[in-house]
Amino acid sequence: MVQETIKRLKELGRMPDSSEDNIPSDRIGEYVELIKKTNKPINWEEAKILIMLFPEYELFGIEWSLLHLFETIFSQISLDDYRKLIIECPSEEWKDTLKTRLNNKLQCN
């Protein structure tokens, strides 16, 4: 089952990049509020939606909140499944960040 907040994030679509012109401030605020209101941990279906929302580079720091929300799936699924999710990320930069964070976590354990 997908939470309403994540359904709404999906409707908003992939986060625009801060460098884009004319991003409505209410749209940015909506990303912030929806991410903040989402219950954690997320499930598999929700993770598949969230991974597709990462901007190419950044959206005023909101992408870090998305990353932290996404990472709550880690303890819920296998390592292989987590890696499969990362591969689906549309942003090479964020895909690399997720891989690095995963490798760091595995080295700490």
N, C-alpha and C. Protein backbone atom coordinates (compact mmCIF):
# COMPACT_ATOMS: atom_id res chain seq x y z
N MET A 1 0.84 -1.18 0.00
CA MET A 1 0.00 0.00 0.00
C MET A 1 0.89 1.25 0.00
N VAL A 2 0.53 2.21 -0.81
CA VAL A 2 1.31 3.44 -0.95
C VAL A 2 0.62 4.56 -0.17
N GLN A 3 1.40 5.23 0.65
CA GLN A 3 0.88 6.36 1.42
C GLN A 3 0.42 7.48 0.49
N GLU A 4 -0.58 8.22 0.96
CA GLU A 4 -1.12 9.34 0.18
C GLU A 4 -0.05 10.39 -0.13
N THR A 5 0.86 10.62 0.81
CA THR A 5 1.91 11.61 0.57
C THR A 5 2.79 11.19 -0.60
N ILE A 6 3.07 9.92 -0.70
CA ILE A 6 3.93 9.43 -1.79
C ILE A 6 3.16 9.41 -3.10
N LYS A 7 1.88 9.13 -3.04
CA LYS A 7 1.06 9.22 -4.26
C LYS A 7 1.09 10.65 -4.79
N ARG A 8 1.00 11.61 -3.89
CA ARG A 8 1.03 13.02 -4.30
C ARG A 8 2.41 13.41 -4.84
N LEU A 9 3.48 12.91 -4.21
CA LEU A 9 4.83 13.16 -4.73
C LEU A 9 4.97 12.61 -6.14
N LYS A 10 4.42 11.44 -6.36
CA LYS A 10 4.46 10.84 -7.71
C LYS A 10 3.75 11.74 -8.71
N GLU A 11 2.60 12.29 -8.30
CA GLU A 11 1.86 13.20 -9.18
C GLU A 11 2.67 14.45 -9.50
N LEU A 12 3.40 14.96 -8.50
CA LEU A 12 4.25 16.14 -8.74
C LEU A 12 5.36 15.82 -9.73
N GLY A 13 5.81 14.58 -9.71
CA GLY A 13 6.83 14.14 -10.65
C GLY A 13 8.24 14.41 -10.15
N ARG A 14 9.17 14.10 -11.02
CA ARG A 14 10.58 14.25 -10.69
C ARG A 14 10.87 15.70 -10.29
N MET A 15 11.67 15.84 -9.26
CA MET A 15 12.02 17.18 -8.79
C MET A 15 12.76 17.94 -9.88
N PRO A 16 12.39 19.20 -10.08
CA PRO A 16 13.15 20.01 -11.02
C PRO A 16 14.50 20.34 -10.41
N ASP A 17 15.41 20.81 -11.22
CA ASP A 17 16.72 21.22 -10.74
C ASP A 17 16.68 22.70 -10.41
N SER A 18 17.38 23.10 -9.37
CA SER A 18 17.39 24.51 -8.93
C SER A 18 17.78 25.47 -10.04
N SER A 19 18.55 24.99 -10.99
CA SER A 19 19.00 25.86 -12.08
C SER A 19 17.91 26.17 -13.10
N GLU A 20 16.79 25.44 -13.03
CA GLU A 20 15.69 25.69 -13.97
C GLU A 20 15.02 27.02 -13.64
N ASP A 21 14.57 27.68 -14.66
CA ASP A 21 13.86 28.95 -14.48
C ASP A 21 12.40 28.71 -14.10
N ASN A 22 11.88 29.63 -13.33
CA ASN A 22 10.44 29.69 -13.04
C ASN A 22 9.87 28.46 -12.34
N ILE A 23 10.57 27.94 -11.36
CA ILE A 23 10.01 26.86 -10.56
C ILE A 23 9.07 27.50 -9.54
N PRO A 24 7.80 27.16 -9.57
CA PRO A 24 6.86 27.77 -8.62
C PRO A 24 7.25 27.44 -7.18
N SER A 25 7.29 28.45 -6.33
CA SER A 25 7.70 28.24 -4.94
C SER A 25 6.72 27.33 -4.20
N ASP A 26 5.44 27.36 -4.59
CA ASP A 26 4.48 26.48 -3.92
C ASP A 26 4.76 25.01 -4.25
N ARG A 27 5.29 24.75 -5.44
CA ARG A 27 5.66 23.37 -5.81
C ARG A 27 6.83 22.89 -4.95
N ILE A 28 7.80 23.75 -4.74
CA ILE A 28 8.94 23.42 -3.89
C ILE A 28 8.45 23.14 -2.47
N GLY A 29 7.60 24.01 -1.98
CA GLY A 29 7.03 23.83 -0.64
C GLY A 29 6.25 22.54 -0.51
N GLU A 30 5.58 22.15 -1.57
CA GLU A 30 4.79 20.93 -1.53
C GLU A 30 5.70 19.70 -1.40
N TYR A 31 6.82 19.69 -2.14
CA TYR A 31 7.78 18.60 -1.97
C TYR A 31 8.22 18.51 -0.51
N VAL A 32 8.58 19.65 0.06
CA VAL A 32 9.07 19.69 1.44
C VAL A 32 8.03 19.12 2.40
N GLU A 33 6.80 19.60 2.31
CA GLU A 33 5.75 19.16 3.22
C GLU A 33 5.41 17.69 3.07
N LEU A 34 5.34 17.23 1.83
CA LEU A 34 4.99 15.82 1.60
C LEU A 34 6.07 14.88 2.11
N ILE A 35 7.31 15.24 1.87
CA ILE A 35 8.42 14.41 2.37
C ILE A 35 8.38 14.38 3.90
N LYS A 36 8.18 15.54 4.50
CA LYS A 36 8.16 15.66 5.96
C LYS A 36 7.01 14.84 6.57
N LYS A 37 5.87 14.79 5.91
CA LYS A 37 4.69 14.12 6.45
C LYS A 37 4.64 12.61 6.18
N THR A 38 5.56 12.11 5.39
CA THR A 38 5.55 10.69 5.04
C THR A 38 6.02 9.84 6.22
N ASN A 39 5.26 8.80 6.51
CA ASN A 39 5.61 7.88 7.60
C ASN A 39 6.80 7.01 7.18
N LYS A 40 7.65 6.74 8.17
CA LYS A 40 8.84 5.94 7.93
C LYS A 40 8.76 4.67 8.78
N PRO A 41 9.32 3.58 8.31
CA PRO A 41 10.02 3.38 7.05
C PRO A 41 9.04 3.23 5.89
N ILE A 42 9.55 3.49 4.72
CA ILE A 42 8.74 3.30 3.52
C ILE A 42 8.80 1.84 3.11
N ASN A 43 7.90 1.45 2.20
CA ASN A 43 7.90 0.08 1.71
C ASN A 43 8.46 0.02 0.28
N TRP A 44 8.49 -1.18 -0.27
CA TRP A 44 9.06 -1.42 -1.60
C TRP A 44 8.38 -0.57 -2.67
N GLU A 45 7.07 -0.59 -2.71
CA GLU A 45 6.33 0.18 -3.72
C GLU A 45 6.66 1.67 -3.62
N GLU A 46 6.72 2.15 -2.41
CA GLU A 46 7.01 3.56 -2.18
C GLU A 46 8.44 3.90 -2.58
N ALA A 47 9.37 3.01 -2.29
CA ALA A 47 10.76 3.22 -2.67
C ALA A 47 10.92 3.30 -4.18
N LYS A 48 10.17 2.47 -4.91
CA LYS A 48 10.23 2.49 -6.38
C LYS A 48 9.74 3.82 -6.94
N ILE A 49 8.82 4.45 -6.25
CA ILE A 49 8.33 5.77 -6.67
C ILE A 49 9.36 6.84 -6.32
N LEU A 50 9.84 6.81 -5.08
CA LEU A 50 10.75 7.86 -4.62
C LEU A 50 12.05 7.89 -5.40
N ILE A 51 12.58 6.74 -5.78
CA ILE A 51 13.87 6.73 -6.47
C ILE A 51 13.78 7.49 -7.80
N MET A 52 12.62 7.55 -8.37
CA MET A 52 12.43 8.23 -9.66
C MET A 52 12.29 9.75 -9.52
N LEU A 53 12.22 10.25 -8.30
CA LEU A 53 11.96 11.67 -8.07
C LEU A 53 13.22 12.52 -7.92
N PHE A 54 14.39 11.89 -7.81
CA PHE A 54 15.61 12.67 -7.60
C PHE A 54 15.86 13.62 -8.77
N PRO A 55 16.20 14.88 -8.45
CA PRO A 55 16.52 15.83 -9.52
C PRO A 55 17.86 15.47 -10.15
N GLU A 56 18.16 16.07 -11.27
CA GLU A 56 19.44 15.78 -11.91
C GLU A 56 20.60 16.12 -10.96
N TYR A 57 20.54 17.29 -10.34
CA TYR A 57 21.61 17.71 -9.44
C TYR A 57 21.09 18.07 -8.05
N GLU A 58 20.29 19.14 -7.98
CA GLU A 58 19.81 19.55 -6.66
C GLU A 58 18.59 20.45 -6.76
N LEU A 59 17.85 20.48 -5.65
CA LEU A 59 16.68 21.35 -5.55
C LEU A 59 16.70 22.01 -4.18
N PHE A 60 17.55 22.99 -4.04
CA PHE A 60 17.64 23.79 -2.81
C PHE A 60 17.81 22.96 -1.55
N GLY A 61 18.45 21.81 -1.65
CA GLY A 61 18.69 20.95 -0.50
C GLY A 61 17.58 19.97 -0.17
N ILE A 62 16.44 20.11 -0.83
CA ILE A 62 15.31 19.22 -0.56
C ILE A 62 15.64 17.78 -0.95
N GLU A 63 16.52 17.63 -1.91
CA GLU A 63 16.90 16.29 -2.37
C GLU A 63 17.52 15.45 -1.25
N TRP A 64 18.14 16.12 -0.28
CA TRP A 64 18.71 15.38 0.85
C TRP A 64 17.61 14.81 1.74
N SER A 65 16.53 15.53 1.89
CA SER A 65 15.39 15.00 2.65
C SER A 65 14.79 13.80 1.92
N LEU A 66 14.73 13.88 0.61
CA LEU A 66 14.25 12.76 -0.19
C LEU A 66 15.17 11.56 -0.01
N LEU A 67 16.47 11.80 -0.03
CA LEU A 67 17.44 10.73 0.15
C LEU A 67 17.26 10.05 1.51
N HIS A 68 17.13 10.84 2.56
CA HIS A 68 16.96 10.26 3.89
C HIS A 68 15.66 9.46 4.00
N LEU A 69 14.61 9.95 3.38
CA LEU A 69 13.35 9.21 3.36
C LEU A 69 13.53 7.91 2.59
N PHE A 70 14.15 7.98 1.42
CA PHE A 70 14.38 6.79 0.61
C PHE A 70 15.18 5.74 1.37
N GLU A 71 16.20 6.18 2.08
CA GLU A 71 17.08 5.24 2.78
C GLU A 71 16.38 4.47 3.90
N THR A 72 15.19 4.85 4.29
CA THR A 72 14.48 4.10 5.33
C THR A 72 14.05 2.72 4.85
N ILE A 73 14.09 2.48 3.55
CA ILE A 73 13.75 1.16 3.01
C ILE A 73 14.87 0.16 3.26
N PHE A 74 16.08 0.64 3.52
CA PHE A 74 17.26 -0.22 3.59
C PHE A 74 17.08 -1.40 4.53
N SER A 75 16.56 -1.18 5.70
CA SER A 75 16.41 -2.27 6.67
C SER A 75 15.21 -3.18 6.36
N GLN A 76 14.42 -2.81 5.38
CA GLN A 76 13.20 -3.56 5.06
C GLN A 76 13.39 -4.58 3.94
N ILE A 77 14.49 -4.46 3.18
CA ILE A 77 14.67 -5.31 2.00
C ILE A 77 16.10 -5.87 1.98
N SER A 78 16.32 -6.79 1.04
CA SER A 78 17.65 -7.38 0.91
C SER A 78 18.63 -6.37 0.29
N LEU A 79 19.88 -6.63 0.49
CA LEU A 79 20.93 -5.79 -0.07
C LEU A 79 20.86 -5.78 -1.60
N ASP A 80 20.60 -6.93 -2.20
CA ASP A 80 20.48 -6.99 -3.66
C ASP A 80 19.32 -6.15 -4.17
N ASP A 81 18.18 -6.22 -3.48
CA ASP A 81 17.03 -5.42 -3.89
C ASP A 81 17.32 -3.93 -3.73
N TYR A 82 18.03 -3.57 -2.67
CA TYR A 82 18.38 -2.16 -2.47
C TYR A 82 19.27 -1.68 -3.63
N ARG A 83 20.22 -2.49 -4.01
CA ARG A 83 21.10 -2.14 -5.14
C ARG A 83 20.29 -1.99 -6.44
N LYS A 84 19.31 -2.85 -6.63
CA LYS A 84 18.46 -2.76 -7.82
C LYS A 84 17.69 -1.44 -7.84
N LEU A 85 17.22 -1.01 -6.69
CA LEU A 85 16.52 0.27 -6.61
C LEU A 85 17.45 1.42 -6.99
N ILE A 86 18.66 1.40 -6.47
CA ILE A 86 19.62 2.47 -6.76
C ILE A 86 19.86 2.59 -8.26
N ILE A 87 19.97 1.47 -8.93
CA ILE A 87 20.23 1.47 -10.38
C ILE A 87 19.13 2.19 -11.14
N GLU A 88 17.92 2.20 -10.61
CA GLU A 88 16.79 2.85 -11.28
C GLU A 88 16.80 4.37 -11.17
N CYS A 89 17.64 4.93 -10.32
CA CYS A 89 17.67 6.38 -10.13
C CYS A 89 18.00 7.08 -11.45
N PRO A 90 17.20 8.06 -11.86
CA PRO A 90 17.41 8.74 -13.14
C PRO A 90 18.59 9.72 -13.14
N SER A 91 19.11 10.05 -11.97
CA SER A 91 20.21 11.00 -11.85
C SER A 91 21.51 10.25 -11.59
N GLU A 92 22.47 10.42 -12.47
CA GLU A 92 23.77 9.77 -12.27
C GLU A 92 24.43 10.25 -10.99
N GLU A 93 24.32 11.55 -10.72
CA GLU A 93 24.92 12.10 -9.51
C GLU A 93 24.34 11.46 -8.24
N TRP A 94 23.01 11.36 -8.18
CA TRP A 94 22.38 10.80 -7.00
C TRP A 94 22.54 9.29 -6.94
N LYS A 95 22.60 8.65 -8.08
CA LYS A 95 22.89 7.21 -8.11
C LYS A 95 24.26 6.96 -7.49
N ASP A 96 25.24 7.76 -7.89
CA ASP A 96 26.59 7.63 -7.32
C ASP A 96 26.60 7.92 -5.82
N THR A 97 25.85 8.94 -5.41
CA THR A 97 25.77 9.28 -3.98
C THR A 97 25.17 8.12 -3.19
N LEU A 98 24.10 7.54 -3.70
CA LEU A 98 23.47 6.41 -3.02
C LEU A 98 24.41 5.21 -2.93
N LYS A 99 25.14 4.94 -4.01
CA LYS A 99 26.10 3.84 -3.99
C LYS A 99 27.21 4.09 -2.98
N THR A 100 27.71 5.31 -2.94
CA THR A 100 28.77 5.66 -1.99
C THR A 100 28.28 5.51 -0.56
N ARG A 101 27.08 6.01 -0.29
CA ARG A 101 26.54 5.90 1.06
C ARG A 101 26.32 4.44 1.45
N LEU A 102 25.88 3.62 0.51
CA LEU A 102 25.71 2.20 0.78
C LEU A 102 27.06 1.55 1.09
N ASN A 103 28.05 1.82 0.28
CA ASN A 103 29.39 1.25 0.50
C ASN A 103 29.95 1.68 1.84
N ASN A 104 29.76 2.94 2.20
CA ASN A 104 30.23 3.43 3.50
C ASN A 104 29.53 2.70 4.64
N LYS A 105 28.23 2.50 4.49
CA LYS A 105 27.47 1.80 5.53
C LYS A 105 27.96 0.35 5.67
N LEU A 106 28.21 -0.30 4.56
CA LEU A 106 28.67 -1.68 4.60
C LEU A 106 30.06 -1.81 5.20
N GLN A 107 30.91 -0.82 4.96
CA GLN A 107 32.26 -0.84 5.53
C GLN A 107 32.24 -0.60 7.04
N CYS A 108 31.25 0.13 7.51
CA CYS A 108 31.14 0.42 8.95
C CYS A 108 30.63 -0.78 9.73
N ASN A 109 29.94 -1.68 9.05
CA ASN A 109 29.37 -2.86 9.74
C ASN A 109 30.36 -3.98 9.84
